[in-house]
PDB file of N, CA and C in Angstrom:
ATOM      1  N   MET A   1      13.801  19.298 -13.561  1.00  0.00           N
ATOM      2  CA  MET A   1      13.457  17.958 -13.348  1.00  0.00           C
ATOM      3  C   MET A   1      13.077  17.388 -12.693  1.00  0.00           C
ATOM      4  N   LYS A   2      11.205  16.983 -12.102  1.00  0.00           N
ATOM      5  CA  LYS A   2      10.881  16.523 -11.285  1.00  0.00           C
ATOM      6  C   LYS A   2      11.433  15.422 -10.486  1.00  0.00           C
ATOM      7  N   ASP A   3      11.759  15.047  -9.542  1.00  0.00           N
ATOM      8  CA  ASP A   3      11.941  13.930  -8.678  1.00  0.00           C
ATOM      9  C   ASP A   3      11.047  13.209  -8.187  1.00  0.00           C
ATOM     10  N   SER A   4       9.480  14.161  -7.576  1.00  0.00           N
ATOM     11  CA  SER A   4       8.988  13.346  -6.481  1.00  0.00           C
ATOM     12  C   SER A   4       7.630  12.409  -7.202  1.00  0.00           C
ATOM     13  N   VAL A   5       7.048  11.739  -6.814  1.00  0.00           N
ATOM     14  CA  VAL A   5       5.905  10.929  -7.382  1.00  0.00           C
ATOM     15  C   VAL A   5       5.079  11.903  -7.470  1.00  0.00           C
ATOM     16  N   SER A   6       3.847  11.702  -8.408  1.00  0.00           N
ATOM     17  CA  SER A   6       2.042  11.893  -8.033  1.00  0.00           C
ATOM     18  C   SER A   6       1.831  11.355  -7.092  1.00  0.00           C
ATOM     19  N   LYS A   7       0.714  11.361  -6.396  1.00  0.00           N
ATOM     20  CA  LYS A   7      -0.638  10.632  -5.622  1.00  0.00           C
ATOM     21  C   LYS A   7      -0.649   9.285  -6.663  1.00  0.00           C
ATOM     22  N   GLU A   8      -1.128   9.910  -7.731  1.00  0.00           N
ATOM     23  CA  GLU A   8      -2.066   8.477  -8.512  1.00  0.00           C
ATOM     24  C   GLU A   8      -0.950   7.989  -8.830  1.00  0.00           C
ATOM     25  N   MET A   9       0.943   7.849  -9.087  1.00  0.00           N
ATOM     26  CA  MET A   9       1.733   6.791  -9.146  1.00  0.00           C
ATOM     27  C   MET A   9       2.192   6.213  -8.321  1.00  0.00           C
ATOM     28  N   VAL A  10       1.615   6.546  -6.871  1.00  0.00           N
ATOM     29  CA  VAL A  10       2.197   6.222  -5.307  1.00  0.00           C
ATOM     30  C   VAL A  10       1.227   4.920  -5.477  1.00  0.00           C
ATOM     31  N   GLU A  11      -0.384   5.772  -5.212  1.00  0.00           N
ATOM     32  CA  GLU A  11      -0.988   4.584  -5.553  1.00  0.00           C
ATOM     33  C   GLU A  11      -0.984   3.056  -6.235  1.00  0.00           C
ATOM     34  N   GLN A  12      -0.458   3.418  -7.273  1.00  0.00           N
ATOM     35  CA  GLN A  12      -0.093   2.188  -8.916  1.00  0.00           C
ATOM     36  C   GLN A  12       0.784   1.338  -8.116  1.00  0.00           C
ATOM     37  N   ILE A  13       2.096   2.473  -7.572  1.00  0.00           N
ATOM     38  CA  ILE A  13       3.433   1.544  -6.645  1.00  0.00           C
ATOM     39  C   ILE A  13       2.303   0.498  -6.121  1.00  0.00           C
ATOM     40  N   ALA A  14       2.406   1.481  -5.150  1.00  0.00           N
ATOM     41  CA  ALA A  14       1.791   0.315  -3.844  1.00  0.00           C
ATOM     42  C   ALA A  14       0.764  -0.680  -4.501  1.00  0.00           C
ATOM     43  N   LEU A  15      -0.174  -0.844  -4.978  1.00  0.00           N
ATOM     44  CA  LEU A  15      -1.325  -1.759  -5.415  1.00  0.00           C
ATOM     45  C   LEU A  15      -0.103  -2.635  -6.560  1.00  0.00           C
ATOM     46  N   ASP A  16       1.010  -2.434  -7.051  1.00  0.00           N
ATOM     47  CA  ASP A  16       1.409  -3.168  -8.138  1.00  0.00           C
ATOM     48  C   ASP A  16       2.226  -4.070  -7.406  1.00  0.00           C
ATOM     49  N   TYR A  17       2.769  -3.691  -5.933  1.00  0.00           N
ATOM     50  CA  TYR A  17       3.639  -4.161  -5.288  1.00  0.00           C
ATOM     51  C   TYR A  17       3.254  -5.361  -4.640  1.00  0.00           C
ATOM     52  N   LEU A  18       1.736  -4.631  -4.494  1.00  0.00           N
ATOM     53  CA  LEU A  18       1.247  -5.806  -3.291  1.00  0.00           C
ATOM     54  C   LEU A  18       0.456  -7.547  -4.055  1.00  0.00           C
ATOM     55  N   LYS A  19       0.386  -6.634  -6.246  1.00  0.00           N
ATOM     56  CA  LYS A  19       0.037  -7.523  -6.245  1.00  0.00           C
ATOM     57  C   LYS A  19       1.432  -8.542  -6.996  1.00  0.00           C
ATOM     58  N   GLU A  20       2.538  -7.917  -7.218  1.00  0.00           N
ATOM     59  CA  GLU A  20       3.381  -9.048  -7.218  1.00  0.00           C
ATOM     60  C   GLU A  20       4.141  -9.731  -6.378  1.00  0.00           C
ATOM     61  N   LYS A  21       4.425  -8.943  -4.682  1.00  0.00           N
ATOM     62  CA  LYS A  21       5.276  -9.477  -4.114  1.00  0.00           C
ATOM     63  C   LYS A  21       4.261 -10.906  -3.538  1.00  0.00           C
ATOM     64  N   ARG A  22       3.060  -9.883  -2.959  1.00  0.00           N
ATOM     65  CA  ARG A  22       2.225 -10.969  -1.876  1.00  0.00           C
ATOM     66  C   ARG A  22       1.215 -11.944  -2.629  1.00  0.00           C
ATOM     67  N   LYS A  23       0.531 -11.205  -3.754  1.00  0.00           N
ATOM     68  CA  LYS A  23      -0.091 -12.244  -4.523  1.00  0.00           C
ATOM     69  C   LYS A  23      -1.480 -11.719  -4.655  1.00  0.00           C
ATOM     70  N   ILE A  24      -2.120 -10.601  -3.737  1.00  0.00           N
ATOM     71  CA  ILE A  24      -3.333 -10.542  -3.475  1.00  0.00           C
ATOM     72  C   ILE A  24      -3.898  -8.756  -4.326  1.00  0.00           C
ATOM     73  N   LYS A  25      -5.050  -8.967  -4.263  1.00  0.00           N
ATOM     74  CA  LYS A  25      -5.454  -7.468  -4.287  1.00  0.00           C
ATOM     75  C   LYS A  25      -5.616  -6.610  -3.661  1.00  0.00           C
ATOM     76  N   ALA A  26      -5.550  -5.255  -3.732  1.00  0.00           N
ATOM     77  CA  ALA A  26      -6.508  -4.203  -2.541  1.00  0.00           C
ATOM     78  C   ALA A  26      -6.931  -3.127  -2.877  1.00  0.00           C
ATOM     79  N   ASP A  27      -7.863  -2.607  -1.511  1.00  0.00           N
ATOM     80  CA  ASP A  27      -8.545  -1.639  -1.944  1.00  0.00           C
ATOM     81  C   ASP A  27      -7.797  -0.484  -0.974  1.00  0.00           C
ATOM     82  N   ILE A  28      -7.750   0.761  -2.028  1.00  0.00           N
ATOM     83  CA  ILE A  28      -6.600   1.566  -1.495  1.00  0.00           C
ATOM     84  C   ILE A  28      -8.031   2.953  -0.922  1.00  0.00           C
ATOM     85  N   ALA A  29      -7.814   2.808   0.381  1.00  0.00           N
ATOM     86  CA  ALA A  29      -8.268   4.247   1.200  1.00  0.00           C
ATOM     87  C   ALA A  29      -8.033   5.389   1.595  1.00  0.00           C
ATOM     88  N   SER A  30      -6.710   5.423   1.451  1.00  0.00           N
ATOM     89  CA  SER A  30      -6.044   7.052   2.075  1.00  0.00           C
ATOM     90  C   SER A  30      -4.237   7.022   1.119  1.00  0.00           C
ATOM     91  N   VAL A  31      -4.469   8.406   0.375  1.00  0.00           N
ATOM     92  CA  VAL A  31      -2.990   8.329   0.566  1.00  0.00           C
ATOM     93  C   VAL A  31      -2.729   9.551   0.347  1.00  0.00           C
ATOM     94  N   GLU A  32      -1.601   9.559   1.327  1.00  0.00           N
ATOM     95  CA  GLU A  32      -1.673  11.192   1.876  1.00  0.00           C
ATOM     96  C   GLU A  32       0.321  11.222   2.487  1.00  0.00           C
ATOM     97  N   GLU A  33       0.614  12.358   2.117  1.00  0.00           N
ATOM     98  CA  GLU A  33       1.837  12.876   2.290  1.00  0.00           C
ATOM     99  C   GLU A  33       2.218  12.996   3.593  1.00  0.00           C
ATOM    100  N   LYS A  34       3.383  12.317   4.154  1.00  0.00           N
ATOM    101  CA  LYS A  34       3.945  12.150   5.306  1.00  0.00           C
ATOM    102  C   LYS A  34       4.861  12.375   6.000  1.00  0.00           C
ATOM    103  N   ASN A  35       5.707  13.502   6.628  1.00  0.00           N
ATOM    104  CA  ASN A  35       7.215  13.064   7.017  1.00  0.00           C
ATOM    105  C   ASN A  35       8.410  13.433   5.297  1.00  0.00           C
ATOM    106  N   GLY A  36       7.881  13.669   4.813  1.00  0.00           N
ATOM    107  CA  GLY A  36       8.129  13.964   2.830  1.00  0.00           C
ATOM    108  C   GLY A  36       8.533  13.111   2.508  1.00  0.00           C
ATOM    109  N   ASP A  37       7.791  11.096   2.703  1.00  0.00           N
ATOM    110  CA  ASP A  37       7.850  10.421   1.568  1.00  0.00           C
ATOM    111  C   ASP A  37       6.029   9.928   1.986  1.00  0.00           C
ATOM    112  N   TRP A  38       5.199   9.211   0.937  1.00  0.00           N
ATOM    113  CA  TRP A  38       4.028   8.632   0.936  1.00  0.00           C
ATOM    114  C   TRP A  38       3.598   7.988   1.953  1.00  0.00           C
ATOM    115  N   SER A  39       2.130   8.212   2.352  1.00  0.00           N
ATOM    116  CA  SER A  39       1.508   6.816   3.298  1.00  0.00           C
ATOM    117  C   SER A  39       0.897   6.173   2.366  1.00  0.00           C
ATOM    118  N   VAL A  40       0.270   4.411   2.354  1.00  0.00           N
ATOM    119  CA  VAL A  40      -0.675   4.387   1.420  1.00  0.00           C
ATOM    120  C   VAL A  40      -1.497   3.844   2.494  1.00  0.00           C
ATOM    121  N   ARG A  41      -3.053   4.056   2.261  1.00  0.00           N
ATOM    122  CA  ARG A  41      -3.217   2.704   3.447  1.00  0.00           C
ATOM    123  C   ARG A  41      -4.313   1.778   2.856  1.00  0.00           C
ATOM    124  N   GLY A  42      -4.858   0.935   3.619  1.00  0.00           N
ATOM    125  CA  GLY A  42      -5.927   0.284   2.832  1.00  0.00           C
ATOM    126  C   GLY A  42      -6.173  -1.217   3.292  1.00  0.00           C
ATOM    127  N   THR A  43      -6.988  -1.984   3.013  1.00  0.00           N
ATOM    128  CA  THR A  43      -7.056  -3.433   3.326  1.00  0.00           C
ATOM    129  C   THR A  43      -7.467  -4.455   1.815  1.00  0.00           C
ATOM    130  N   THR A  44      -6.721  -5.594   2.595  1.00  0.00           N
ATOM    131  CA  THR A  44      -6.837  -7.227   1.578  1.00  0.00           C
ATOM    132  C   THR A  44      -7.438  -8.131   2.395  1.00  0.00           C
ATOM    133  N   PRO A  45      -8.613  -8.726   1.454  1.00  0.00           N
ATOM    134  CA  PRO A  45      -8.865  -9.742   1.926  1.00  0.00           C
ATOM    135  C   PRO A  45      -8.267 -11.045   2.279  1.00  0.00           C
ATOM    136  N   ILE A  46      -8.519 -11.720   3.615  1.00  0.00           N
ATOM    137  CA  ILE A  46      -7.508 -12.916   3.605  1.00  0.00           C
ATOM    138  C   ILE A  46      -8.861 -13.866   3.773  1.00  0.00           C
ATOM    139  N   ASP A  47      -8.277 -15.216   3.987  1.00  0.00           N
ATOM    140  CA  ASP A  47      -9.381 -16.160   4.547  1.00  0.00           C
ATOM    141  C   ASP A  47      -7.965 -16.497   5.801  1.00  0.00           C
ATOM    142  N   LEU A  48      -9.382 -16.924   6.621  1.00  0.00           N
ATOM    143  CA  LEU A  48      -9.118 -17.472   7.847  1.00  0.00           C
ATOM    144  C   LEU A  48      -9.549 -18.598   8.135  1.00  0.00           C
ATOM    145  N   GLU A  49      -9.130 -19.541   8.115  1.00  0.00           N
ATOM    146  CA  GLU A  49      -9.541 -21.229   8.414  1.00  0.00           C
ATOM    147  C   GLU A  49     -10.825 -21.416   8.052  1.00  0.00           C
ATOM    148  N   GLY A  50     -10.937 -20.595   6.720  1.00  0.00           N
ATOM    149  CA  GLY A  50     -12.533 -20.410   5.915  1.00  0.00           C
ATOM    150  C   GLY A  50     -12.953 -19.589   6.254  1.00  0.00           C
ATOM    151  N   HIS A  51     -12.772 -18.548   6.723  1.00  0.00           N
ATOM    152  CA  HIS A  51     -13.681 -17.568   7.407  1.00  0.00           C
ATOM    153  C   HIS A  51     -13.104 -16.104   6.265  1.00  0.00           C
ATOM    154  N   PRO A  52     -13.682 -15.471   5.671  1.00  0.00           N
ATOM    155  CA  PRO A  52     -13.791 -14.160   4.920  1.00  0.00           C
ATOM    156  C   PRO A  52     -13.261 -13.234   5.947  1.00  0.00           C
ATOM    157  N   TRP A  53     -11.988 -12.375   5.692  1.00  0.00           N
ATOM    158  CA  TRP A  53     -11.061 -11.803   6.968  1.00  0.00           C
ATOM    159  C   TRP A  53     -10.914 -10.059   6.026  1.00  0.00           C
ATOM    160  N   ALA A  54     -10.770  -9.437   7.216  1.00  0.00           N
ATOM    161  CA  ALA A  54      -9.654  -8.148   6.016  1.00  0.00           C
ATOM    162  C   ALA A  54      -8.517  -7.607   6.916  1.00  0.00           C
ATOM    163  N   GLU A  55      -7.234  -7.357   6.026  1.00  0.00           N
ATOM    164  CA  GLU A  55      -5.975  -7.055   6.922  1.00  0.00           C
ATOM    165  C   GLU A  55      -5.472  -6.196   6.251  1.00  0.00           C
ATOM    166  N   LYS A  56      -5.794  -4.878   7.335  1.00  0.00           N
ATOM    167  CA  LYS A  56      -5.236  -3.728   6.768  1.00  0.00           C
ATOM    168  C   LYS A  56      -3.772  -3.860   6.387  1.00  0.00           C
ATOM    169  N   PHE A  57      -3.144  -2.241   5.915  1.00  0.00           N
ATOM    170  CA  PHE A  57      -1.788  -2.490   5.216  1.00  0.00           C
ATOM    171  C   PHE A  57      -1.460  -1.101   5.493  1.00  0.00           C
ATOM    172  N   GLU A  58      -0.255  -0.768   5.395  1.00  0.00           N
ATOM    173  CA  GLU A  58       0.248   0.526   5.190  1.00  0.00           C
ATOM    174  C   GLU A  58       1.574   0.837   4.739  1.00  0.00           C
ATOM    175  N   ILE A  59       1.526   1.287   3.639  1.00  0.00           N
ATOM    176  CA  ILE A  59       2.607   0.939   2.760  1.00  0.00           C
ATOM    177  C   ILE A  59       3.727   2.520   2.619  1.00  0.00           C
ATOM    178  N   ILE A  60       4.350   2.383   3.031  1.00  0.00           N
ATOM    179  CA  ILE A  60       5.346   3.968   2.981  1.00  0.00           C
ATOM    180  C   ILE A  60       6.200   3.863   1.686  1.00  0.00           C
ATOM    181  N   VAL A  61       5.737   4.523   0.816  1.00  0.00           N
ATOM    182  CA  VAL A  61       6.654   5.182  -0.357  1.00  0.00           C
ATOM    183  C   VAL A  61       7.364   6.221  -0.338  1.00  0.00           C
ATOM    184  N   ASP A  62       8.704   6.008  -0.859  1.00  0.00           N
ATOM    185  CA  ASP A  62       9.225   7.712  -0.897  1.00  0.00           C
ATOM    186  C   ASP A  62       9.612   8.185  -1.706  1.00  0.00           C
ATOM    187  N   VAL A  63       9.647   9.360  -1.900  1.00  0.00           N
ATOM    188  CA  VAL A  63       9.772  10.344  -3.019  1.00  0.00           C
ATOM    189  C   VAL A  63       9.713  10.132  -4.780  1.00  0.00           C
ATOM    190  N   ARG A  64      10.473   9.170  -4.454  1.00  0.00           N
ATOM    191  CA  ARG A  64      11.175   8.963  -5.894  1.00  0.00           C
ATOM    192  C   ARG A  64      10.414   7.265  -6.450  1.00  0.00           C
ATOM    193  N   GLY A  65      10.053   6.256  -5.365  1.00  0.00           N
ATOM    194  CA  GLY A  65       8.603   5.643  -5.673  1.00  0.00           C
ATOM    195  C   GLY A  65       8.916   4.587  -5.669  1.00  0.00           C
ATOM    196  N   LYS A  66      10.056   4.870  -4.864  1.00  0.00           N
ATOM    197  CA  LYS A  66      10.797   3.381  -4.080  1.00  0.00           C
ATOM    198  C   LYS A  66       9.797   2.953  -2.737  1.00  0.00           C
ATOM    199  N   VAL A  67       9.808   1.402  -2.058  1.00  0.00           N
ATOM    200  CA  VAL A  67       8.696   0.813  -1.019  1.00  0.00           C
ATOM    201  C   VAL A  67       9.678   0.937  -0.503  1.00  0.00           C
ATOM    202  N   LYS A  68       9.285   1.730   0.641  1.00  0.00           N
ATOM    203  CA  LYS A  68      10.394   1.717   2.328  1.00  0.00           C
ATOM    204  C   LYS A  68       9.833   1.009   3.103  1.00  0.00           C
ATOM    205  N   SER A  69       8.847   1.059   3.304  1.00  0.00           N
ATOM    206  CA  SER A  69       7.909  -0.091   4.287  1.00  0.00           C
ATOM    207  C   SER A  69       6.876  -0.446   4.167  1.00  0.00           C
ATOM    208  N   ILE A  70       6.530  -2.001   4.640  1.00  0.00           N
ATOM    209  CA  ILE A  70       5.146  -2.362   4.754  1.00  0.00           C
ATOM    210  C   ILE A  70       4.598  -2.955   5.842  1.00  0.00           C
ATOM    211  N   ASP A  71       3.588  -2.752   6.508  1.00  0.00           N
ATOM    212  CA  ASP A  71       3.178  -3.268   7.726  1.00  0.00           C
ATOM    213  C   ASP A  71       1.622  -3.583   7.297  1.00  0.00           C
ATOM    214  N   PHE A  72       1.306  -5.111   8.000  1.00  0.00           N
ATOM    215  CA  PHE A  72      -0.055  -5.409   7.727  1.00  0.00           C
ATOM    216  C   PHE A  72      -0.313  -5.653   9.625  1.00  0.00           C
ATOM    217  N   GLY A  73      -1.818  -5.960   9.448  1.00  0.00           N
ATOM    218  CA  GLY A  73      -2.589  -6.271  11.160  1.00  0.00           C
ATOM    219  C   GLY A  73      -3.860  -7.049  10.347  1.00  0.00           C
ATOM    220  N   LEU A  74      -4.667  -7.688  11.330  1.00  0.00           N
ATOM    221  CA  LEU A  74      -5.784  -7.666  11.063  1.00  0.00           C
ATOM    222  C   LEU A  74      -6.640  -6.973  11.908  1.00  0.00           C
ATOM    223  N   LEU A  75      -7.813  -6.737  10.947  1.00  0.00           N
ATOM    224  CA  LEU A  75      -8.958  -5.589  11.526  1.00  0.00           C
ATOM    225  C   LEU A  75      -9.697  -6.159  12.611  1.00  0.00           C
TER     226      LEU A  75
END
């Protein structure tokens, strides 16, 4: 039995996490294996005092599909 998740599954886990926890949509730029986990990077649109802006993110997902960490920053 395979315990690890696929690249496509990791991307969907990240999108679902952002949609559920942050109530935002996201654009995925990359999904790659990194130190035994998956790194999902992309951007989300935000509104800063009436001006559209983009926020970058990185979500680390373990091989079982659990979100380990998430980091946001302005572009």
